[in-house]
Protein backbone atom coordinates (compact mmCIF):
# COMPACT_ATOMS: atom_id res chain seq x y z
CA UNK A 1 -48.81 -30.58 2.89
CA UNK A 2 -51.08 -27.54 3.31
CA UNK A 3 -49.76 -26.00 6.24
CA UNK A 4 -46.28 -25.26 4.85
CA UNK A 5 -45.82 -21.73 3.24
CA UNK A 6 -42.67 -22.81 0.37
CA UNK A 7 -42.29 -26.59 0.58
CA UNK A 8 -44.47 -29.06 -2.17
CA UNK A 9 -48.37 -28.40 -0.86
CA UNK A 10 -48.50 -32.66 -1.12
CA UNK A 11 -47.59 -35.66 1.16
CA UNK A 12 -44.60 -34.20 3.17
CA UNK A 13 -42.47 -35.24 6.27
CA UNK A 14 -42.45 -31.90 7.75
CA UNK A 15 -44.29 -29.41 10.28
CA UNK A 16 -44.74 -25.52 10.07
CA UNK A 17 -42.22 -25.74 12.64
CA UNK A 18 -39.71 -27.99 10.94
CA UNK A 19 -39.98 -25.73 8.01
CA UNK A 20 -39.20 -22.60 9.88
CA UNK A 21 -35.99 -24.19 11.47
CA UNK A 22 -35.23 -25.35 7.47
CA UNK A 23 -35.50 -22.18 6.73
CA UNK A 24 -33.02 -20.90 9.11
CA UNK A 25 -30.82 -23.38 8.69
CA UNK A 26 -30.46 -22.58 5.07
CA UNK A 27 -29.51 -19.26 5.31
CA UNK A 28 -26.78 -20.23 7.96
CA UNK A 29 -25.70 -22.84 5.43
CA UNK A 30 -25.70 -20.14 2.61
CA UNK A 31 -23.29 -17.72 5.23
CA UNK A 32 -21.35 -20.29 6.05
CA UNK A 33 -20.30 -21.35 2.47
CA UNK A 34 -20.13 -17.90 1.42
CA UNK A 35 -17.33 -16.64 3.76
CA UNK A 36 -15.47 -20.45 3.85
CA UNK A 37 -15.00 -19.15 0.03
CA UNK A 38 -14.26 -15.16 0.96
CA UNK A 39 -12.46 -16.25 4.46
CA UNK A 40 -8.99 -17.33 2.24
CA UNK A 41 -8.89 -14.05 0.15
CA UNK A 42 -9.32 -11.75 3.39
CA UNK A 43 -6.73 -14.01 4.53
CA UNK A 44 -4.32 -13.88 2.05
CA UNK A 45 -5.07 -9.72 2.05
CA UNK A 46 -4.34 -9.36 5.50
CA UNK A 47 -1.78 -11.14 6.40
CA UNK A 48 0.16 -9.28 3.08
CA UNK A 49 -0.83 -6.24 4.41
CA UNK A 50 0.75 -6.56 7.62
CA UNK A 51 3.91 -8.25 6.34
CA UNK A 52 4.58 -5.21 3.69
CA UNK A 53 3.94 -3.07 6.53
CA UNK A 54 6.18 -4.69 8.94
CA UNK A 55 8.39 -4.31 5.92
CA UNK A 56 8.50 -0.99 5.00
CA UNK A 57 8.95 -0.25 8.86
CA UNK A 58 11.44 -2.28 9.42
CA UNK A 59 13.00 -0.60 6.48
CA UNK A 60 13.35 2.77 7.51
CA UNK A 61 14.23 1.83 11.18
CA UNK A 62 17.35 0.05 9.71
CA UNK A 63 18.36 2.84 7.26
CA UNK A 64 18.40 5.65 10.05
CA UNK A 65 20.30 2.96 12.23
CA UNK A 66 22.78 2.35 9.37
CA UNK A 67 23.35 6.18 9.25
CA UNK A 68 22.83 6.97 12.64
CA UNK A 69 25.58 3.90 13.50
CA UNK A 70 28.24 5.56 10.71
CA UNK A 71 28.37 8.73 12.64
CA UNK A 72 28.76 7.54 15.66
CA UNK A 73 31.23 5.14 15.28
CA UNK A 74 33.26 8.47 13.57
CA UNK A 75 32.59 11.02 15.63
CA UNK A 76 31.25 9.90 18.60
CA UNK A 77 30.03 12.25 21.32
CA UNK A 78 29.48 15.21 19.00
CA UNK A 79 27.01 13.41 17.04
CA UNK A 80 24.87 12.40 19.56
CA UNK A 81 24.75 15.95 20.79
CA UNK A 82 23.90 17.25 17.39
CA UNK A 83 22.23 14.66 15.59
CA UNK A 84 18.59 15.79 15.10
CA UNK A 85 18.46 17.19 12.03
CA UNK A 86 18.62 13.88 10.33
CA UNK A 87 16.57 11.97 12.99
CA UNK A 88 14.28 14.68 12.32
CA UNK A 89 14.43 13.54 8.44
CA UNK A 90 13.27 9.68 9.31
CA UNK A 91 10.64 10.93 11.51
CA UNK A 92 9.18 12.64 8.87
CA UNK A 93 9.60 10.05 6.33
CA UNK A 94 7.80 7.94 9.22
CA UNK A 95 5.24 10.24 9.46
CA UNK A 96 4.10 10.40 5.96
CA UNK A 97 3.95 6.18 6.01
CA UNK A 98 1.99 6.04 8.83
CA UNK A 99 -0.27 9.00 7.04
CA UNK A 100 0.76 12.01 8.70
CA UNK A 101 0.16 15.03 6.36
CA UNK A 102 3.31 15.49 5.37
CA UNK A 103 4.53 17.07 1.54
CA UNK A 104 7.58 14.89 0.98
CA UNK A 105 8.91 17.18 -1.94
CA UNK A 106 8.78 20.17 0.72
CA UNK A 107 10.33 18.51 3.82
CA UNK A 108 13.05 17.17 2.33
CA UNK A 109 14.05 20.72 0.34
CA UNK A 110 13.85 21.66 4.56
CA UNK A 111 16.18 19.03 5.07
CA UNK A 112 18.72 20.47 2.50
CA UNK A 113 18.30 24.02 3.51
CA UNK A 114 18.95 23.24 7.00
CA UNK A 115 21.98 21.79 6.01
CA UNK A 116 23.00 23.98 4.24
CA UNK A 117 22.86 26.41 6.82
CA UNK A 118 24.89 24.62 8.77
CA UNK A 119 27.16 23.34 6.03
CA UNK A 120 27.88 27.63 5.49
CA UNK A 121 28.52 27.69 9.24
CA UNK A 122 31.74 25.55 8.87
CA UNK A 123 32.88 26.49 5.63
CA UNK A 124 33.30 30.49 7.01
CA UNK A 125 34.37 29.50 10.27
CA UNK A 126 35.77 33.22 9.99
CA UNK A 127 32.46 35.06 9.92
CA UNK A 128 29.78 35.31 12.33
CA UNK A 129 25.98 34.29 10.98
CA UNK A 130 22.85 35.97 11.87
CA UNK A 131 19.69 34.30 11.70
CA UNK A 132 18.36 36.38 8.93
CA UNK A 133 21.46 35.71 7.14
CA UNK A 134 21.39 32.24 7.53
CA UNK A 135 17.75 32.33 6.14
CA UNK A 136 18.43 34.44 2.66
CA UNK A 137 21.83 31.57 2.69
CA UNK A 138 18.77 28.90 2.19
CA UNK A 139 17.41 30.57 -0.22
CA UNK A 140 20.37 30.06 -2.62
CA UNK A 141 19.95 25.93 -2.33
CA UNK A 142 18.05 25.07 -5.44
CA UNK A 143 20.28 27.85 -7.25
CA UNK A 144 23.62 27.79 -6.16
CA UNK A 145 22.97 23.76 -5.73
CA UNK A 146 26.03 22.69 -3.41
CA UNK A 147 25.40 19.74 -2.54
CA UNK A 148 25.21 19.02 -6.44
CA UNK A 149 22.52 16.61 -8.17
CA UNK A 150 22.31 14.50 -4.74
CA UNK A 151 18.92 16.69 -4.13
CA UNK A 152 17.02 16.24 -7.30
CA UNK A 153 17.81 12.61 -7.57
CA UNK A 154 17.36 11.79 -4.22
CA UNK A 155 14.17 13.73 -3.91
CA UNK A 156 12.77 12.05 -7.02
CA UNK A 157 13.23 8.75 -5.53
CA UNK A 158 11.84 8.86 -2.16
CA UNK A 159 8.89 10.34 -3.30
CA UNK A 160 7.95 7.81 -6.21
CA UNK A 161 8.99 5.22 -3.56
CA UNK A 162 7.44 6.27 -0.18
CA UNK A 163 4.73 6.74 -2.62
CA UNK A 164 4.44 3.41 -4.06
CA UNK A 165 5.21 1.89 -1.04
CA UNK A 166 2.07 3.94 0.68
CA UNK A 167 -0.24 3.23 -1.74
CA UNK A 168 0.53 -0.34 -2.47
CA UNK A 169 0.13 -1.39 1.56
CA UNK A 170 -3.16 0.54 1.80
CA UNK A 171 -4.13 -0.98 -1.13
CA UNK A 172 -3.91 -4.28 0.60
CA UNK A 173 -6.12 -2.89 3.58
CA UNK A 174 -8.86 -1.64 1.15
CA UNK A 175 -9.37 -5.11 -0.14
CA UNK A 176 -9.29 -6.64 3.04
CA UNK A 177 -11.90 -4.72 4.36
CA UNK A 178 -13.88 -4.92 1.09
CA UNK A 179 -14.15 -8.53 1.10
CA UNK A 180 -14.97 -8.40 4.92
CA UNK A 181 -17.35 -6.43 4.38
CA UNK A 182 -18.85 -8.25 1.19
CA UNK A 183 -18.63 -11.46 2.63
CA UNK A 184 -20.77 -11.09 5.37
CA UNK A 185 -24.47 -11.82 3.60
CA UNK A 186 -28.36 -11.44 4.42
CA UNK A 187 -30.50 -12.98 2.48
CA UNK A 188 -33.68 -11.20 1.17
CA UNK A 189 -36.55 -13.07 2.48
CA UNK A 190 -37.46 -14.14 -1.23
CA UNK A 191 -33.52 -15.56 -1.48
CA UNK A 192 -34.29 -17.11 1.89
CA UNK A 193 -37.32 -18.70 0.50
CA UNK A 194 -34.97 -19.83 -2.64
CA UNK A 195 -32.11 -21.38 -0.51
CA UNK A 196 -34.74 -23.42 1.92
CA UNK A 197 -36.92 -24.52 -1.83
CA UNK A 198 -33.10 -25.58 -2.98
CA UNK A 199 -31.43 -26.97 0.28
CA UNK A 200 -34.37 -28.66 2.64
CA UNK A 201 -37.55 -28.92 0.44
CA UNK A 202 -36.63 -32.36 -1.05
CA UNK A 203 -35.65 -33.67 3.17
CA UNK A 204 -39.84 -32.60 3.34
CA UNK A 205 -40.52 -35.12 0.79
CA UNK A 206 -38.06 -37.70 2.44
CA UNK A 207 -35.21 -37.38 -0.43
CA UNK A 208 -32.62 -36.45 2.06
CA UNK A 209 -29.27 -38.18 0.00
CA UNK A 210 -30.74 -35.91 -3.44
CA UNK A 211 -29.05 -32.75 -3.99
CA UNK A 212 -29.98 -30.23 -5.85
CA UNK A 213 -29.13 -30.33 -9.96
CA UNK A 214 -26.29 -28.29 -10.66
CA UNK A 215 -27.78 -24.93 -12.60
CA UNK A 216 -30.54 -24.93 -10.53
CA UNK A 217 -27.71 -23.98 -7.57
CA UNK A 218 -26.33 -21.92 -10.11
CA UNK A 219 -29.14 -19.81 -10.46
CA UNK A 220 -30.45 -19.64 -6.76
CA UNK A 221 -26.57 -18.02 -6.04
CA UNK A 222 -26.60 -15.84 -9.02
CA UNK A 223 -30.14 -14.28 -7.28
CA UNK A 224 -28.90 -14.08 -4.14
CA UNK A 225 -25.31 -12.76 -4.86
CA UNK A 226 -26.77 -10.18 -7.48
CA UNK A 227 -24.92 -7.49 -5.57
CA UNK A 228 -21.60 -9.17 -4.76
CA UNK A 229 -21.89 -10.10 -9.03
CA UNK A 230 -21.62 -6.09 -9.46
CA UNK A 231 -18.60 -6.02 -7.47
CA UNK A 232 -17.03 -7.96 -9.86
CA UNK A 233 -15.90 -5.40 -12.67
CA UNK A 234 -14.65 -2.57 -10.10
CA UNK A 235 -12.77 -5.42 -8.40
CA UNK A 236 -10.86 -6.97 -11.42
CA UNK A 237 -9.69 -3.38 -12.42
CA UNK A 238 -8.63 -2.47 -8.40
CA UNK A 239 -5.94 -6.33 -8.68
CA UNK A 240 -4.68 -5.21 -12.59
CA UNK A 241 -4.11 -1.17 -10.89
CA UNK A 242 -2.32 -3.16 -7.80
CA UNK A 243 -0.31 -5.37 -10.12
CA UNK A 244 0.64 -2.32 -11.55
CA UNK A 245 2.07 -0.74 -8.62
CA UNK A 246 3.52 -3.79 -7.71
CA UNK A 247 5.83 -4.21 -10.95
CA UNK A 248 7.27 -0.49 -9.54
CA UNK A 249 7.76 -1.63 -6.69
CA UNK A 250 10.16 -4.49 -8.57
CA UNK A 251 11.75 -1.77 -10.67
CA UNK A 252 12.11 2.39 -10.42
CA UNK A 253 9.80 2.56 -7.62
CA UNK A 254 12.17 0.22 -5.21
CA UNK A 255 11.97 1.41 -1.52
CA UNK A 256 14.37 -0.95 -1.12
CA UNK A 257 17.31 0.54 -2.90
CA UNK A 258 16.56 3.84 -2.46
CA UNK A 259 16.76 3.81 1.83
CA UNK A 260 19.20 0.99 1.99
CA UNK A 261 22.64 3.80 0.57
CA UNK A 262 20.71 7.10 1.58
CA UNK A 263 23.39 7.41 4.52
CA UNK A 264 26.12 7.44 1.89
CA UNK A 265 24.05 9.71 -0.52
CA UNK A 266 23.61 11.96 1.76
CA UNK A 267 27.50 12.18 2.99
CA UNK A 268 28.35 12.18 -0.62
CA UNK A 269 25.99 15.80 -1.15
CA UNK A 270 28.19 16.63 1.81
CA UNK A 271 31.37 16.44 -0.12
CA UNK A 272 30.09 17.88 -2.99
CA UNK A 273 29.13 21.30 -0.69
CA UNK A 274 32.64 21.17 0.72
CA UNK A 275 34.69 20.80 -2.59
CA UNK A 276 32.51 23.88 -4.36
CA UNK A 277 32.10 26.09 -0.71
CA UNK A 278 34.31 28.63 -2.43
CA UNK A 279 31.79 29.57 -5.21
CA UNK A 280 29.32 28.32 -3.00
CA UNK A 281 30.10 31.23 -0.58
CA UNK A 282 31.41 33.86 -3.24
CA UNK A 283 27.84 33.76 -5.07
CA UNK A 284 26.15 34.18 -1.56
CA UNK A 285 28.27 36.84 -0.52
CA UNK A 286 26.73 38.75 -3.35
CA UNK A 287 23.57 38.01 -2.81
CA UNK A 288 23.14 38.11 0.95
CA UNK A 289 26.07 40.77 1.55
CA UNK A 290 29.22 40.32 3.34
CA UNK A 291 28.73 39.28 6.47
CA UNK A 292 30.91 40.72 9.84
CA UNK A 293 34.14 38.44 10.59
CA UNK A 294 34.91 37.22 14.46
CA UNK A 295 38.13 37.75 15.94
CA UNK A 296 41.14 35.49 14.96
CA UNK A 297 41.12 33.95 18.15
CA UNK A 298 37.71 32.72 18.63
CA UNK A 299 38.28 31.56 14.91
CA UNK A 300 41.23 29.51 15.86
CA UNK A 301 39.98 28.03 18.48
CA UNK A 302 37.01 26.35 16.93
CA UNK A 303 39.22 24.80 14.28
CA UNK A 304 41.67 23.17 17.26
CA UNK A 305 38.70 22.39 19.23
CA UNK A 306 38.10 19.70 17.62
CA UNK A 307 40.93 18.16 18.62
CA UNK A 308 40.54 14.17 17.08
CA UNK A 309 41.40 12.26 13.45
CA UNK A 310 37.92 11.02 12.65
CA UNK A 311 37.83 8.90 9.37
CA UNK A 312 34.63 8.97 7.60
CA UNK A 313 34.85 4.97 6.48
CA UNK A 314 31.03 3.80 4.73
CA UNK A 315 29.86 0.33 5.44
CA UNK A 316 30.92 -2.60 3.13
CA UNK A 317 27.96 -3.30 1.40
CA UNK A 318 28.46 -7.10 3.41
CA UNK A 319 28.08 -4.81 6.32
CA UNK A 320 24.89 -3.28 5.51
CA UNK A 321 21.69 -5.14 6.86
CA UNK A 322 20.00 -6.47 3.28
CA UNK A 323 16.78 -7.68 4.51
CA UNK A 324 13.91 -6.24 6.62
CA UNK A 325 11.32 -8.20 8.36
CA UNK A 326 13.22 -11.63 7.03
CA UNK A 327 12.57 -10.95 3.54
CA UNK A 328 13.34 -8.76 0.95
CA UNK A 329 11.07 -6.67 -0.89
CA UNK A 330 11.13 -8.68 -4.37
CA UNK A 331 10.22 -11.45 -2.60
CA UNK A 332 7.62 -10.01 -0.60
CA UNK A 333 6.12 -8.85 -4.34
CA UNK A 334 6.36 -11.53 -6.46
CA UNK A 335 4.56 -13.71 -3.37
CA UNK A 336 1.57 -11.32 -3.98
CA UNK A 337 1.82 -10.53 -7.49
CA UNK A 338 0.80 -14.33 -7.72
CA UNK A 339 -1.98 -13.64 -4.64
CA UNK A 340 -3.76 -11.17 -6.73
CA UNK A 341 -3.52 -13.11 -9.67
CA UNK A 342 -6.08 -15.99 -8.22
CA UNK A 343 -8.12 -13.18 -6.87
CA UNK A 344 -9.15 -11.51 -10.29
CA UNK A 345 -12.74 -12.55 -11.00
CA UNK A 346 -13.30 -14.14 -7.28
CA UNK A 347 -16.90 -12.27 -7.43
CA UNK A 348 -18.03 -13.63 -10.84
CA UNK A 349 -16.80 -17.25 -9.76
CA UNK A 350 -17.90 -16.60 -6.38
CA UNK A 351 -21.86 -18.39 -7.06
CA UNK A 352 -20.15 -21.14 -9.34
CA UNK A 353 -17.29 -21.91 -6.28
CA UNK A 354 -20.36 -22.37 -4.06
CA UNK A 355 -22.58 -25.00 -6.16
CA UNK A 356 -18.98 -26.95 -6.98
CA UNK A 357 -18.90 -27.87 -3.34
CA UNK A 358 -20.49 -31.47 -3.22
CA UNK A 359 -22.69 -30.18 -0.18
CA UNK A 360 -24.37 -27.75 -2.10
CA UNK A 361 -25.13 -30.06 -6.08
CA UNK A 362 -24.61 -32.45 -7.49
CA UNK A 363 -22.22 -30.31 -9.60
CA UNK A 364 -21.26 -30.84 -13.40
CA UNK A 365 -20.16 -34.36 -13.78
CA UNK A 366 -23.06 -36.84 -12.50
CA UNK A 367 -26.53 -35.11 -12.92
CA UNK A 368 -28.56 -38.15 -13.60
CA UNK A 369 -30.75 -37.51 -10.34
CA UNK A 370 -30.76 -34.34 -8.93
CA UNK A 371 -33.78 -32.20 -7.06
CA UNK A 372 -34.90 -29.49 -9.29
CA UNK A 373 -36.67 -27.69 -7.00
CA UNK A 374 -40.14 -29.37 -7.12
CA UNK A 375 -38.81 -33.23 -7.39
CA UNK A 376 -36.50 -35.57 -7.93
CA UNK A 377 -35.54 -35.80 -11.96
CA UNK A 378 -32.71 -36.22 -14.68
CA UNK A 379 -31.77 -33.09 -15.85
CA UNK A 380 -32.71 -33.89 -19.20
CA UNK A 381 -36.27 -33.42 -18.32
CA UNK A 382 -35.85 -30.03 -17.17
CA UNK A 383 -33.33 -27.94 -18.49
CA UNK A 384 -32.12 -24.65 -16.83
CA UNK A 385 -31.24 -21.48 -18.37
CA UNK A 386 -28.61 -20.29 -16.16
CA UNK A 387 -28.92 -16.30 -15.39
CA UNK A 388 -26.35 -13.61 -16.11
CA UNK A 389 -24.05 -12.36 -13.18
CA UNK A 390 -24.63 -9.27 -11.49
CA UNK A 391 -28.25 -7.38 -10.39
CA UNK A 392 -29.65 -6.40 -13.30
CA UNK A 393 -29.78 -9.67 -14.79
CA UNK A 394 -31.75 -11.13 -11.70
CA UNK A 395 -34.69 -10.09 -13.84
CA UNK A 396 -35.38 -12.60 -15.34
CA UNK A 397 -34.06 -15.16 -12.66
CA UNK A 398 -36.23 -18.24 -12.47
CA UNK A 399 -35.96 -19.38 -9.09
CA UNK A 400 -35.26 -16.35 -6.85
CA UNK A 401 -37.34 -12.87 -6.77
CA UNK A 402 -35.23 -10.20 -6.97
CA UNK A 403 -35.80 -6.40 -6.77
CA UNK A 404 -33.24 -4.86 -9.35
CA UNK A 405 -34.27 -1.26 -8.55
CA UNK A 406 -32.64 -1.42 -5.33
CA UNK A 407 -29.22 -2.37 -4.84
CA UNK A 408 -27.40 -3.08 -1.34
CA UNK A 409 -25.73 0.15 -0.47
CA UNK A 410 -22.86 -1.38 1.85
CA UNK A 411 -21.63 -3.22 -1.47
CA UNK A 412 -22.35 -0.10 -3.23
CA UNK A 413 -19.27 1.50 -0.98
CA UNK A 414 -17.55 -1.01 -0.96
CA UNK A 415 -17.32 -0.55 -4.89
CA UNK A 416 -17.14 3.27 -4.47
CA UNK A 417 -14.04 2.51 -1.92
CA UNK A 418 -12.84 0.48 -4.79
CA UNK A 419 -12.96 3.00 -7.55
CA UNK A 420 -11.14 5.62 -5.50
CA UNK A 421 -8.20 3.33 -4.21
CA UNK A 422 -7.80 2.66 -8.02
CA UNK A 423 -7.68 6.10 -8.65
CA UNK A 424 -5.02 6.73 -6.19
CA UNK A 425 -2.50 3.30 -6.91
CA UNK A 426 -2.92 5.15 -10.90
CA UNK A 427 -0.92 8.29 -9.32
CA UNK A 428 1.08 6.28 -7.38
CA UNK A 429 1.89 4.15 -10.68
CA UNK A 430 2.75 7.84 -12.02
CA UNK A 431 4.82 8.81 -9.06
CA UNK A 432 2.40 11.75 -7.91
CA UNK A 433 1.41 11.73 -4.43
CA UNK A 434 -1.46 10.97 -3.00
CA UNK A 435 -3.99 11.59 -0.12
CA UNK A 436 -3.44 8.78 2.69
CA UNK A 437 -6.94 6.62 3.12
CA UNK A 438 -7.68 6.22 7.07
CA UNK A 439 -8.23 2.44 7.74
CA UNK A 440 -8.49 2.78 11.28
CA UNK A 441 -11.74 4.04 11.42
CA UNK A 442 -13.39 1.79 8.90
CA UNK A 443 -13.18 4.27 6.36
CA UNK A 444 -12.58 2.58 3.35
CA UNK A 445 -16.49 2.47 2.75
CA UNK A 446 -17.33 5.60 3.31
CA UNK A 447 -14.79 7.16 1.33
CA UNK A 448 -15.50 10.17 -0.84
CA UNK A 449 -13.99 13.26 -2.37
CA UNK A 450 -12.17 11.28 -5.38
CA UNK A 451 -13.25 12.38 -9.21
CA UNK A 452 -14.09 8.60 -9.11
CA UNK A 453 -16.52 9.13 -7.18
CA UNK A 454 -19.01 11.16 -9.75
CA UNK A 455 -17.48 9.10 -12.75
CA UNK A 456 -15.90 5.81 -13.01
CA UNK A 457 -12.36 5.13 -13.41
CA UNK A 458 -11.22 4.60 -16.88
CA UNK A 459 -10.30 0.50 -16.28
CA UNK A 460 -7.04 1.60 -19.07
CA UNK A 461 -4.15 3.75 -17.35
CA UNK A 462 -2.63 6.24 -19.26
CA UNK A 463 0.77 6.18 -18.08
CA UNK A 464 3.32 8.87 -18.02
CA UNK A 465 7.24 7.73 -18.79
CA UNK A 466 9.08 8.30 -15.62
CA UNK A 467 13.18 9.12 -15.61
CA UNK A 468 13.99 6.35 -13.30
CA UNK A 469 15.15 3.01 -14.88
CA UNK A 470 15.05 0.02 -13.01
CA UNK A 471 18.63 -0.57 -11.81
CA UNK A 472 19.07 3.12 -11.56
CA UNK A 473 19.29 3.07 -7.58
CA UNK A 474 21.12 -0.13 -6.95
CA UNK A 475 23.66 1.44 -9.15
CA UNK A 476 23.69 4.83 -8.01
CA UNK A 477 24.31 2.43 -4.11
CA UNK A 478 28.06 1.75 -6.03
CA UNK A 479 28.31 4.87 -7.39
CA UNK A 480 28.30 6.88 -4.13
CA UNK A 481 30.04 3.91 -2.17
CA UNK A 482 33.14 4.70 -4.20
CA UNK A 483 32.67 8.29 -4.68
CA UNK A 484 33.18 8.91 -0.83
CA UNK A 485 35.76 6.30 -0.25
CA UNK A 486 38.06 8.38 -2.98
CA UNK A 487 37.23 11.62 -1.44
CA UNK A 488 39.33 13.25 0.82
CA UNK A 489 38.98 11.29 3.81
CA UNK A 490 40.90 13.82 6.47
CA UNK A 491 39.57 16.87 4.49
CA UNK A 492 36.10 15.01 5.34
CA UNK A 493 36.59 14.38 9.00
CA UNK A 494 38.05 18.30 9.74
CA UNK A 495 34.76 19.03 7.84
CA UNK A 496 32.28 17.43 9.80
CA UNK A 497 34.17 17.56 12.98
CA UNK A 498 34.15 21.85 12.91
CA UNK A 499 30.04 21.36 11.26
CA UNK A 500 29.67 19.74 14.56
CA UNK A 501 31.70 21.83 16.51
CA UNK A 502 29.57 25.09 15.17
CA UNK A 503 26.39 23.14 15.78
CA UNK A 504 27.21 22.70 19.51
CA UNK A 505 28.78 26.10 20.23
CA UNK A 506 25.43 27.66 18.68
CA UNK A 507 23.56 25.40 20.86
CA UNK A 508 25.28 26.05 23.87
């Protein structure tokens, strides 16, 4: 056996060529063992990301269709010609979700300002308004609150719900990418020697059926997966933060309960404007000046041209779409929460889970006869001290020579990616907007610019109390629906028909 480089120098069945083939086979077997365990986790994150992404996008489509159908059925061609204000709202919401540079608060403020300009024309059809005058009108949106409290509530609910939804989906995608990168293991030359010695050197002694001792296998895997072990602490903090945001999605930040009744909420805001139109107009005239009046004939025609009696009728709850992508947010969150809990401590458990495979070691149940790295023996004759988890703990690993001064940079980047994502989840939990992570260019390992890069994010979050309760959005829907139904329906029809005609005349 003098010709062998790794296996025993005594009696052997192996040639140098066979030893080299066994060396390559041991690397292959090790990679497969890691991939088999990691693939299940990666597939879980990948499938849940796709499901959440599909759900959120379809939810937006359903909300837009619900609003569009309500007004098309009521106002027909007039709405179709003048619906871009509402279409722009949904375009911007979709653009935000897919990663566009959209400030939700500013975008919603702009929507209400534009709606006020158009509503102000309609409630004052006897006046001529220049673009400069309407710009002055829009400045009074926040001060006069012409739409009641709807814009403030909706802005709070939409911002929190969209931030939480987008960040949670991004978290699933980042986890998927981290698992994919970290599971692509490439053992060092020292690791390869240890794997060969454990897996196939007994073959060279004719001990084909003797499997490695469990603790011996455990030490070899701890050494070969030292860098993966260092991922565990940040991974567990990330999983905990995902679970906290999941709780928000089930409660006050539930995007489904925000988007489902958004059409009714907007219509309720229009009703508020109609009811307060006289007071709003007087205050605007005081601040922006008295506008010029139109000729009486033109004013009369603008009203008479409406020429139809449309009735505003919000959908009944049973008519409204209740699910997107064939499921509901509650069901999706319940499922993924259970999967997230199972994913905790995955990396620190990986060496033990590999050695639990009967192909890799004798396991922990029957260790009477096993391969200890040099001979077939009972574990009672050679006790194995189990090495700790992570790179720093491998300094005294008896089975694998590990350079603890050279961490794996791929894995270090994944640790950083998890820290960045955890910080974003923390902000989303608190209802604060966060930057989008572009996952299309495999940037989860290259993410930078977060405060967590310079100092490790605290595993303990100090979250602020929020204004919205778990059922507030759902109750808002019932309140707004009944409020819209109680409002003067004929007044609403007249109001909106004049609005569309006024806008139609303006755009001609």
